[in-house]
Amino acid sequence: MSIVRNSLAVVAASTVLALTSACGGGADKVALCAEATKAMTDYQGAMASAGTNFDGFNKASADFAAKLKDLAGKADGDLQTALTKFGDSFAELKIDPSDSGAATKVAEFSKKVTEAGTAFASACA
């Protein structure tokens, strides 16, 4: 399962870059971007403390998804859509070590998060 965990760490890091680089626009957008960036930092911390505890990892992902969806509720237009996509992607992320297709699911998740990151960067530009 280390390949799954390592893949998720890379995805999380690239998401932080997308969130951090996308902080432009009006005051509301900047504030929402800052909140999203903090939420990602918190998520990475929760991932790190979960270690090999996949229940903890899944809870961290669900909590992060809820935070992104909350932020989406405060946004509008393209930013709302992008935050919703991020939230939906993380809400779907469930790691089950007994699932032989976990690596494939992580690849699919990575693609969705990358697309959401691109949309987020565009919305906040």
Protein backbone atom coordinates (compact mmCIF):
# COMPACT_ATOMS: atom_id res chain seq x y z
CA MET A 1 0.00 0.00 0.00
CA SER A 2 2.99 2.31 0.15
CA ILE A 3 2.58 3.09 -3.56
CA VAL A 4 -0.97 4.27 -2.85
CA ARG A 5 0.17 6.38 0.09
CA ASN A 6 3.09 7.85 -1.86
CA SER A 7 0.81 8.65 -4.80
CA LEU A 8 -1.63 10.40 -2.50
CA ALA A 9 1.18 12.44 -0.95
CA VAL A 10 2.25 13.63 -4.42
CA VAL A 11 -1.34 14.51 -5.32
CA ALA A 12 -1.76 16.44 -2.07
CA ALA A 13 1.45 18.38 -2.66
CA SER A 14 0.43 19.31 -6.19
CA THR A 15 -2.97 20.41 -4.90
CA VAL A 16 -1.28 22.76 -2.43
CA LEU A 17 0.71 24.26 -5.31
CA ALA A 18 -2.49 24.77 -7.30
CA LEU A 19 -4.22 26.39 -4.34
CA THR A 20 -1.27 28.59 -3.45
CA SER A 21 -0.60 29.80 -6.98
CA ALA A 22 -4.26 30.59 -7.62
CA CYS A 23 -4.66 33.39 -5.06
CA GLY A 24 -5.57 36.35 -7.24
CA GLY A 25 -8.69 38.38 -7.87
CA GLY A 26 -10.96 40.28 -5.49
CA ALA A 27 -10.83 40.25 -1.71
CA ASP A 28 -13.41 37.46 -1.42
CA LYS A 29 -11.46 35.26 -3.79
CA VAL A 30 -8.20 35.93 -1.98
CA ALA A 31 -9.81 35.12 1.38
CA LEU A 32 -11.37 31.91 0.05
CA CYS A 33 -8.08 30.92 -1.55
CA ALA A 34 -6.27 31.49 1.73
CA GLU A 35 -8.86 29.36 3.56
CA ALA A 36 -8.54 26.60 0.95
CA THR A 37 -4.75 26.69 1.25
CA LYS A 38 -4.98 26.44 5.05
CA ALA A 39 -7.43 23.55 4.72
CA MET A 40 -4.95 21.74 2.46
CA THR A 41 -2.13 22.33 4.92
CA ASP A 42 -4.33 20.97 7.70
CA TYR A 43 -5.20 17.99 5.49
CA GLN A 44 -1.54 17.22 4.88
CA GLY A 45 -0.91 17.33 8.63
CA ALA A 46 -3.81 14.97 9.26
CA MET A 47 -2.50 12.62 6.55
CA ALA A 48 0.93 12.60 8.14
CA SER A 49 -0.45 11.86 11.60
CA ALA A 50 -2.66 9.09 10.23
CA GLY A 51 0.49 7.18 9.28
CA THR A 52 -0.62 3.76 8.12
CA ASN A 53 -4.06 4.10 9.73
CA PHE A 54 -6.30 4.13 6.69
CA ASP A 55 -9.39 4.93 8.75
CA GLY A 56 -7.64 8.08 9.93
CA PHE A 57 -6.60 8.83 6.38
CA ASN A 58 -10.17 8.37 5.10
CA LYS A 59 -11.50 10.62 7.89
CA ALA A 60 -8.97 13.32 7.00
CA SER A 61 -10.05 13.13 3.35
CA ALA A 62 -13.74 13.32 4.28
CA ASP A 63 -13.11 16.30 6.60
CA PHE A 64 -11.13 18.08 3.87
CA ALA A 65 -13.91 17.41 1.35
CA ALA A 66 -16.45 18.91 3.75
CA LYS A 67 -14.27 22.01 4.23
CA LEU A 68 -13.90 22.49 0.48
CA LYS A 69 -17.65 22.12 -0.02
CA ASP A 70 -18.23 24.67 2.76
CA LEU A 71 -15.89 27.10 1.00
CA ALA A 72 -17.69 26.43 -2.29
CA GLY A 73 -20.91 27.50 -0.60
CA LYS A 74 -19.31 30.88 0.11
CA ALA A 75 -18.05 31.32 -3.46
CA ASP A 76 -19.77 31.90 -6.76
CA GLY A 77 -19.20 31.25 -10.44
CA ASP A 78 -16.10 29.40 -11.56
CA LEU A 79 -14.55 29.44 -8.09
CA GLN A 80 -17.61 27.74 -6.63
CA THR A 81 -17.50 25.10 -9.37
CA ALA A 82 -13.78 24.46 -8.86
CA LEU A 83 -14.05 24.16 -5.07
CA THR A 84 -17.02 21.83 -5.48
CA LYS A 85 -14.99 19.63 -7.86
CA PHE A 86 -12.14 19.52 -5.36
CA GLY A 87 -14.54 18.64 -2.58
CA ASP A 88 -16.27 15.96 -4.63
CA SER A 89 -12.92 14.40 -5.56
CA PHE A 90 -11.79 14.13 -1.95
CA ALA A 91 -15.24 12.94 -0.82
CA GLU A 92 -14.91 9.99 -3.20
CA LEU A 93 -11.45 9.10 -1.90
CA LYS A 94 -11.69 6.01 0.29
CA ILE A 95 -8.61 3.87 0.82
CA ASP A 96 -9.29 0.20 1.50
CA PRO A 97 -6.05 -1.82 1.88
CA SER A 98 -7.90 -4.99 0.90
CA ASP A 99 -8.96 -3.47 -2.43
CA SER A 100 -6.72 -4.82 -5.17
CA GLY A 101 -7.74 -1.93 -7.43
CA ALA A 102 -6.69 0.79 -4.98
CA ALA A 103 -3.76 1.95 -7.13
CA THR A 104 -6.08 2.38 -10.12
CA LYS A 105 -8.54 4.35 -8.00
CA VAL A 106 -5.73 6.61 -6.82
CA ALA A 107 -4.77 7.25 -10.46
CA GLU A 108 -8.38 8.19 -11.26
CA PHE A 109 -8.49 10.40 -8.17
CA SER A 110 -5.24 12.06 -9.22
CA LYS A 111 -6.70 12.90 -12.62
CA LYS A 112 -9.84 14.43 -11.07
CA VAL A 113 -7.82 16.49 -8.59
CA THR A 114 -5.50 17.73 -11.33
CA GLU A 115 -8.51 18.84 -13.40
CA ALA A 116 -10.06 20.52 -10.36
CA GLY A 117 -6.73 22.24 -9.62
CA THR A 118 -6.58 23.64 -13.14
CA ALA A 119 -10.17 24.91 -12.84
CA PHE A 120 -9.38 26.41 -9.43
CA ALA A 121 -6.29 28.23 -10.70
CA SER A 122 -8.27 29.63 -13.61
CA ALA A 123 -11.16 30.75 -11.38
CA CYS A 124 -8.85 32.56 -8.96
CA ALA A 125 -6.65 34.21 -11.56
